Amino acid sequence: AIGESAVFWLIMLFIASVTMTVGNKYVMKKWGDFANTLTLMQNGTAVAYLATGRYLGFMDMKPFTGQQWRVFAFTAFFLSMQILTSLKALPYVAIATVVVFRNTCTVIIAVIDYFFFGNKFSPLQMASLATTTVGMLIYAWQDINFNLVGYLWLVGNSVATISNTFWNKVFITKYTKELKIQTSYGVSLIQQTETLPIVFVLAAFNNEGGAYTAYTPLALPAKLTILATCAGGVLIGIAYPKCFSLLSGTSVVVASTANKAVSILIGMWLFGTRLSVVQVLGLAICVGGSLWYALEGKRKK
């Protein structure tokens, strides 16, 4: 039986996941083109939380070095691009489309892993990746909400996500597991802190000086949602490790997939999104294939 603590953190993970998907789309539609300002607020909140954790001693971090800051500057850039392109895409595409693109990234990452890093996959893993790809192609072929601008932003998001994944794969593993000269909390603090000047410069270039002026007349729900996304970014970073510590990896993967499905349904209701029957079929195949791949990966370990 699942304990009360596990149930609580699954609920927290659900709230955080929905907030960071549906909430971000809602904010971008209501507030306007202030993606960098929103990112500055969200990442600034994360930095404040991590720095407080280090100061009060409830987050273990090792001494910082100049080399660490230089290495993770690349990650900070990729992370900034990930967030920016995702927020830019959200006003133009359905949440379901974002989920499909993220699952497609999983396939591309697996292919690169196979050819360049020598990672081997079982026949069932390869079948699950093929299933995910077929679902993605069906969805894209019949996307009745297709928007070229949105798709281009998501392509940029995919490039940033894949680049960040492999940079982290090499260096986070090296610094936290092999050399053990920094903890995961310490790496997160470095990354998040280094995103702030990048995002600030992007906000300046995008002329986002009117963000507060546009914020003032917003309805209360929109203002509260902006604050909720700031808290949601911190909460999701806490909830995932907690869930993994209290539940099996398989349970967390299934819960994460369920959260995506619920986010899609809430998005359809909130934003009046319509999907064709073929699109729903493609989405189901794509998400199902991704879930299958994740479960096979856990079984292989």
Protein backbone atom coordinates (compact mmCIF):
# COMPACT_ATOMS: atom_id res chain seq x y z
CA ALA A 1 0.00 0.00 0.00
CA ILE A 2 1.12 3.53 -0.73
CA GLY A 3 1.77 5.52 2.43
CA GLU A 4 0.25 8.90 3.21
CA SER A 5 3.58 10.64 2.62
CA ALA A 6 3.87 9.12 -0.86
CA VAL A 7 0.31 10.14 -1.71
CA PHE A 8 1.01 13.68 -0.53
CA TRP A 9 4.10 14.03 -2.73
CA LEU A 10 2.33 12.52 -5.73
CA ILE A 11 -0.32 15.23 -5.32
CA MET A 12 2.40 17.87 -5.01
CA LEU A 13 4.05 16.54 -8.19
CA PHE A 14 0.68 16.69 -9.97
CA ILE A 15 0.04 20.29 -8.86
CA ALA A 16 3.54 21.38 -9.88
CA SER A 17 3.39 19.62 -13.27
CA VAL A 18 0.02 21.08 -14.20
CA THR A 19 1.05 24.53 -12.98
CA MET A 20 4.19 24.55 -15.12
CA THR A 21 2.38 23.43 -18.28
CA VAL A 22 -1.15 24.85 -18.17
CA GLY A 23 -0.11 27.78 -15.97
CA ASN A 24 2.69 28.92 -18.27
CA LYS A 25 0.43 28.81 -21.32
CA TYR A 26 -2.27 30.76 -19.47
CA VAL A 27 0.23 33.43 -18.37
CA MET A 28 1.74 33.81 -21.85
CA LYS A 29 -1.70 34.30 -23.38
CA LYS A 30 -2.88 36.76 -20.73
CA TRP A 31 0.29 38.74 -19.98
CA GLY A 32 1.77 39.05 -23.45
CA ASP A 33 5.25 38.65 -24.89
CA PHE A 34 7.18 38.76 -21.61
CA ALA A 35 8.69 35.27 -21.71
CA ASN A 36 12.09 36.41 -20.46
CA THR A 37 10.62 38.42 -17.59
CA LEU A 38 8.57 35.40 -16.53
CA THR A 39 11.68 33.20 -16.72
CA LEU A 40 13.61 35.76 -14.66
CA MET A 41 10.95 35.58 -11.97
CA GLN A 42 10.74 31.78 -11.98
CA ASN A 43 14.49 31.14 -12.03
CA GLY A 44 15.07 33.93 -9.51
CA THR A 45 12.66 32.18 -7.15
CA ALA A 46 14.55 28.90 -7.62
CA VAL A 47 17.90 30.62 -6.91
CA ALA A 48 16.49 32.21 -3.76
CA TYR A 49 15.21 28.82 -2.57
CA LEU A 50 18.49 27.00 -3.29
CA ALA A 51 20.62 29.75 -1.75
CA THR A 52 18.43 29.75 1.37
CA GLY A 53 18.75 25.97 1.57
CA ARG A 54 22.52 26.23 1.40
CA TYR A 55 22.66 29.02 4.00
CA LEU A 56 20.37 27.19 6.46
CA GLY A 57 22.17 23.91 5.87
CA PHE A 58 19.27 21.72 4.72
CA MET A 59 20.77 21.39 1.23
CA ASP A 60 24.17 19.80 0.91
CA MET A 61 26.50 21.71 -1.41
CA LYS A 62 30.26 21.46 -1.75
CA PRO A 63 32.62 24.43 -2.29
CA PHE A 64 32.14 26.21 -5.60
CA THR A 65 35.08 26.63 -7.98
CA GLY A 66 35.66 28.77 -11.05
CA GLN A 67 35.89 25.66 -13.19
CA GLN A 68 32.40 24.57 -12.14
CA TRP A 69 30.95 27.96 -13.05
CA ARG A 70 32.67 27.87 -16.47
CA VAL A 71 31.55 24.33 -17.31
CA PHE A 72 27.93 24.89 -16.34
CA ALA A 73 27.70 28.23 -18.14
CA PHE A 74 26.96 26.17 -21.28
CA THR A 75 24.17 24.36 -19.45
CA ALA A 76 22.78 27.69 -18.27
CA PHE A 77 22.62 28.89 -21.87
CA PHE A 78 20.88 25.72 -23.08
CA LEU A 79 18.48 25.84 -20.12
CA SER A 80 17.63 29.49 -20.85
CA MET A 81 16.93 28.59 -24.48
CA GLN A 82 14.79 25.63 -23.39
CA ILE A 83 12.59 27.80 -21.20
CA LEU A 84 12.41 30.72 -23.63
CA THR A 85 11.47 28.63 -26.67
CA SER A 86 8.90 26.68 -24.68
CA LEU A 87 7.19 29.83 -23.40
CA LYS A 88 7.31 31.41 -26.87
CA ALA A 89 5.66 28.34 -28.41
CA LEU A 90 2.84 27.97 -25.88
CA PRO A 91 0.55 30.77 -27.18
CA TYR A 92 0.62 29.20 -30.67
CA VAL A 93 0.27 25.46 -30.06
CA ALA A 94 -1.80 23.05 -28.02
CA ILE A 95 -0.32 21.56 -24.85
CA ALA A 96 -0.70 18.17 -26.56
CA THR A 97 1.69 19.36 -29.28
CA VAL A 98 4.29 20.31 -26.67
CA VAL A 99 3.99 16.83 -25.11
CA VAL A 100 4.43 15.17 -28.51
CA PHE A 101 7.56 17.22 -29.25
CA ARG A 102 9.04 16.34 -25.85
CA ASN A 103 8.44 12.66 -26.49
CA THR A 104 10.09 13.06 -29.88
CA CYS A 105 13.16 14.46 -28.10
CA THR A 106 13.30 11.19 -26.16
CA VAL A 107 13.54 9.27 -29.43
CA ILE A 108 16.25 11.55 -30.86
CA ILE A 109 18.25 11.39 -27.61
CA ALA A 110 18.05 7.58 -27.69
CA VAL A 111 19.28 7.49 -31.31
CA ILE A 112 22.24 9.79 -30.49
CA ASP A 113 22.93 7.68 -27.39
CA TYR A 114 23.08 4.57 -29.56
CA PHE A 115 25.32 5.90 -32.33
CA PHE A 116 27.65 8.21 -30.39
CA PHE A 117 27.70 6.91 -26.81
CA GLY A 118 27.43 3.18 -27.48
CA ASN A 119 24.28 2.76 -25.41
CA LYS A 120 22.55 -0.52 -26.27
CA PHE A 121 18.77 -1.00 -26.31
CA SER A 122 16.70 -4.12 -25.93
CA PRO A 123 14.32 -5.15 -28.76
CA LEU A 124 11.37 -3.98 -26.64
CA GLN A 125 12.99 -0.58 -26.07
CA MET A 126 13.54 -0.18 -29.82
CA ALA A 127 9.93 -1.19 -30.45
CA SER A 128 8.74 1.41 -27.93
CA LEU A 129 10.83 4.13 -29.61
CA ALA A 130 9.41 3.15 -33.00
CA THR A 131 5.89 3.31 -31.52
CA THR A 132 6.57 6.81 -30.15
CA THR A 133 7.82 7.95 -33.57
CA VAL A 134 4.78 6.55 -35.40
CA GLY A 135 2.46 8.30 -32.95
CA MET A 136 4.32 11.58 -33.40
CA LEU A 137 4.06 11.35 -37.21
CA ILE A 138 0.33 10.57 -37.07
CA TYR A 139 -0.26 13.51 -34.72
CA ALA A 140 1.75 15.99 -36.81
CA TRP A 141 0.14 14.78 -40.05
CA GLN A 142 -3.33 15.56 -38.71
CA ASP A 143 -2.59 18.56 -36.47
CA ILE A 144 -5.65 20.73 -37.05
CA ASN A 145 -4.11 23.41 -34.80
CA PHE A 146 -0.86 23.56 -36.80
CA ASN A 147 0.93 26.88 -36.51
CA LEU A 148 4.28 27.34 -38.25
CA VAL A 149 5.58 29.87 -35.72
CA GLY A 150 4.70 27.57 -32.82
CA TYR A 151 6.31 24.57 -34.51
CA LEU A 152 9.51 26.52 -35.22
CA TRP A 153 9.76 27.55 -31.56
CA LEU A 154 9.28 23.90 -30.57
CA VAL A 155 12.00 22.80 -32.98
CA GLY A 156 14.30 25.31 -31.26
CA ASN A 157 13.14 23.94 -27.92
CA SER A 158 13.98 20.41 -29.04
CA VAL A 159 17.50 21.42 -30.12
CA ALA A 160 18.10 23.14 -26.76
CA THR A 161 16.65 20.17 -24.82
CA ILE A 162 18.80 17.61 -26.65
CA SER A 163 21.93 19.75 -26.32
CA ASN A 164 21.32 20.30 -22.61
CA THR A 165 20.66 16.60 -22.04
CA PHE A 166 24.00 15.51 -23.45
CA TRP A 167 26.01 18.32 -21.86
CA ASN A 168 24.48 17.34 -18.52
CA LYS A 169 25.01 13.65 -19.26
CA VAL A 170 28.74 14.23 -19.57
CA PHE A 171 29.45 16.89 -16.97
CA ILE A 172 26.82 16.42 -14.24
CA THR A 173 27.71 12.74 -14.09
CA LYS A 174 31.41 13.64 -13.96
CA TYR A 175 31.08 16.26 -11.22
CA THR A 176 28.43 14.61 -9.02
CA LYS A 177 29.00 10.85 -9.40
CA GLU A 178 32.56 10.29 -10.61
CA LEU A 179 34.64 13.11 -9.11
CA LYS A 180 32.05 13.88 -6.39
CA ILE A 181 33.22 17.49 -6.18
CA GLN A 182 29.71 18.95 -6.28
CA THR A 183 26.21 17.83 -5.33
CA SER A 184 23.12 17.94 -7.53
CA TYR A 185 21.84 20.86 -5.43
CA GLY A 186 25.09 22.74 -5.99
CA VAL A 187 24.94 22.13 -9.73
CA SER A 188 21.33 23.38 -9.80
CA LEU A 189 22.28 26.56 -7.93
CA ILE A 190 25.11 27.25 -10.39
CA GLN A 191 22.92 26.60 -13.43
CA GLN A 192 19.96 28.63 -12.23
CA THR A 193 22.13 31.55 -11.11
CA GLU A 194 23.92 31.69 -14.45
CA THR A 195 20.63 31.81 -16.34
CA LEU A 196 19.70 35.12 -14.70
CA PRO A 197 22.10 37.47 -16.57
CA ILE A 198 21.39 35.62 -19.84
CA VAL A 199 17.64 36.02 -19.44
CA PHE A 200 18.02 39.63 -18.30
CA VAL A 201 19.92 40.50 -21.50
CA LEU A 202 17.30 38.68 -23.60
CA ALA A 203 14.55 40.63 -21.85
CA ALA A 204 16.35 43.90 -22.65
CA PHE A 205 16.75 42.97 -26.32
CA ASN A 206 13.06 42.00 -26.47
CA ASN A 207 12.04 45.40 -25.01
CA GLU A 208 10.28 43.85 -22.02
CA GLY A 209 10.54 47.02 -19.96
CA GLY A 210 6.77 47.33 -20.07
CA ALA A 211 6.22 44.05 -18.22
CA TYR A 212 5.09 45.72 -14.97
CA THR A 213 2.82 48.14 -16.83
CA ALA A 214 1.18 45.18 -18.55
CA TYR A 215 1.03 43.25 -15.27
CA THR A 216 -0.83 45.94 -13.30
CA PRO A 217 -4.21 45.73 -15.12
CA LEU A 218 -4.23 41.91 -15.21
CA ALA A 219 -7.11 40.15 -13.49
CA LEU A 220 -6.36 38.55 -10.12
CA PRO A 221 -6.38 34.95 -11.49
CA ALA A 222 -3.64 35.87 -13.99
CA LYS A 223 -1.52 37.57 -11.30
CA LEU A 224 -1.90 34.59 -8.97
CA THR A 225 -1.00 32.19 -11.79
CA ILE A 226 2.25 34.09 -12.41
CA LEU A 227 3.15 33.66 -8.74
CA ALA A 228 2.02 30.02 -8.86
CA THR A 229 4.39 29.25 -11.75
CA CYS A 230 7.27 30.71 -9.73
CA ALA A 231 6.39 28.43 -6.82
CA GLY A 232 5.67 25.54 -9.19
CA GLY A 233 9.21 25.54 -10.55
CA VAL A 234 10.57 25.13 -7.02
CA LEU A 235 7.93 22.56 -6.04
CA ILE A 236 8.57 20.29 -9.01
CA GLY A 237 12.26 20.24 -8.12
CA ILE A 238 11.36 19.08 -4.61
CA ALA A 239 8.54 16.68 -5.52
CA TYR A 240 10.39 14.54 -8.07
CA PRO A 241 13.23 13.47 -5.73
CA LYS A 242 10.71 12.92 -2.90
CA CYS A 243 8.54 10.69 -5.10
CA PHE A 244 11.56 8.69 -6.26
CA SER A 245 12.63 8.20 -2.63
CA LEU A 246 9.18 6.98 -1.53
CA LEU A 247 8.02 5.03 -4.59
CA SER A 248 9.44 2.78 -7.27
CA GLY A 249 10.81 4.44 -10.41
CA THR A 250 8.04 2.76 -12.40
CA SER A 251 5.34 4.36 -10.23
CA VAL A 252 6.87 7.82 -10.70
CA VAL A 253 7.10 7.35 -14.49
CA VAL A 254 3.44 6.30 -14.65
CA ALA A 255 2.43 9.25 -12.44
CA SER A 256 4.40 11.66 -14.61
CA THR A 257 2.67 10.33 -17.75
CA ALA A 258 -0.73 10.64 -16.07
CA ASN A 259 0.11 14.26 -15.17
CA LYS A 260 0.82 15.01 -18.84
CA ALA A 261 -2.50 13.47 -19.86
CA VAL A 262 -4.42 15.51 -17.27
CA SER A 263 -2.57 18.69 -18.33
CA ILE A 264 -3.68 18.06 -21.92
CA LEU A 265 -7.31 17.62 -20.84
CA ILE A 266 -7.26 20.73 -18.64
CA GLY A 267 -5.65 22.68 -21.50
CA MET A 268 -8.36 21.52 -23.92
CA TRP A 269 -11.06 22.66 -21.50
CA LEU A 270 -9.42 25.95 -20.47
CA PHE A 271 -8.25 27.12 -23.89
CA GLY A 272 -10.98 25.54 -26.03
CA THR A 273 -8.47 23.36 -27.89
CA ARG A 274 -9.92 20.84 -30.33
CA LEU A 275 -8.15 17.71 -31.54
CA SER A 276 -9.22 15.51 -34.45
CA VAL A 277 -9.89 11.81 -33.89
CA VAL A 278 -6.71 10.90 -35.79
CA GLN A 279 -4.76 13.41 -33.69
CA VAL A 280 -6.01 11.85 -30.46
CA LEU A 281 -5.00 8.44 -31.81
CA GLY A 282 -1.53 9.71 -32.69
CA LEU A 283 -1.20 11.39 -29.28
CA ALA A 284 -2.23 8.20 -27.47
CA ILE A 285 0.27 6.12 -29.47
CA CYS A 286 3.05 8.67 -28.91
CA VAL A 287 2.48 9.01 -25.14
CA GLY A 288 1.94 5.25 -24.82
CA GLY A 289 5.20 4.55 -26.66
CA SER A 290 7.07 7.01 -24.46
CA LEU A 291 5.63 5.41 -21.31
CA TRP A 292 6.55 1.95 -22.63
CA TYR A 293 10.12 3.12 -23.30
CA ALA A 294 10.45 4.62 -19.80
CA LEU A 295 9.14 1.45 -18.17
CA GLU A 296 11.45 -0.75 -20.23
CA GLY A 297 14.36 1.47 -19.23
CA LYS A 298 13.50 1.00 -15.54
CA ARG A 299 13.14 -2.77 -16.05
CA LYS A 300 16.52 -2.94 -17.81
CA LYS A 301 18.21 -1.37 -14.79
